[in-house]
């Protein structure tokens, strides 16, 4: 029994040639770009929204720090500020680099 299970596991890792029905590797890559672009749009939008929320939280935490420095340390304010700037600038990296897909909503 163990021999049969081991044999099935080993045989499942052997690559099998499958006929793709005339679709070449280029067509497969083209078909995969649509879901990838949707996911990229989602990640870019999420970065902008979360970065904006971090920057807003920076202002709120700084006001709380001014009222009571022992309750909210200044390191929290700095962390939120740096993380917000990084998250806001992350979608803009595609405009600086020569590779990659630019964010379509900001064109």
Foldseek 3Di string as FASTA:
>chain_A
DVVVVVVVVVVVPDDDDDDPPPQDPVNVVVVVVVVVLVVVLVLLVVLLVVLVVLLVVLVVLVVVCVVPVVVRPVVSSVVSNVSSVCSNCVLVVVVVDPDDDHNVVVD
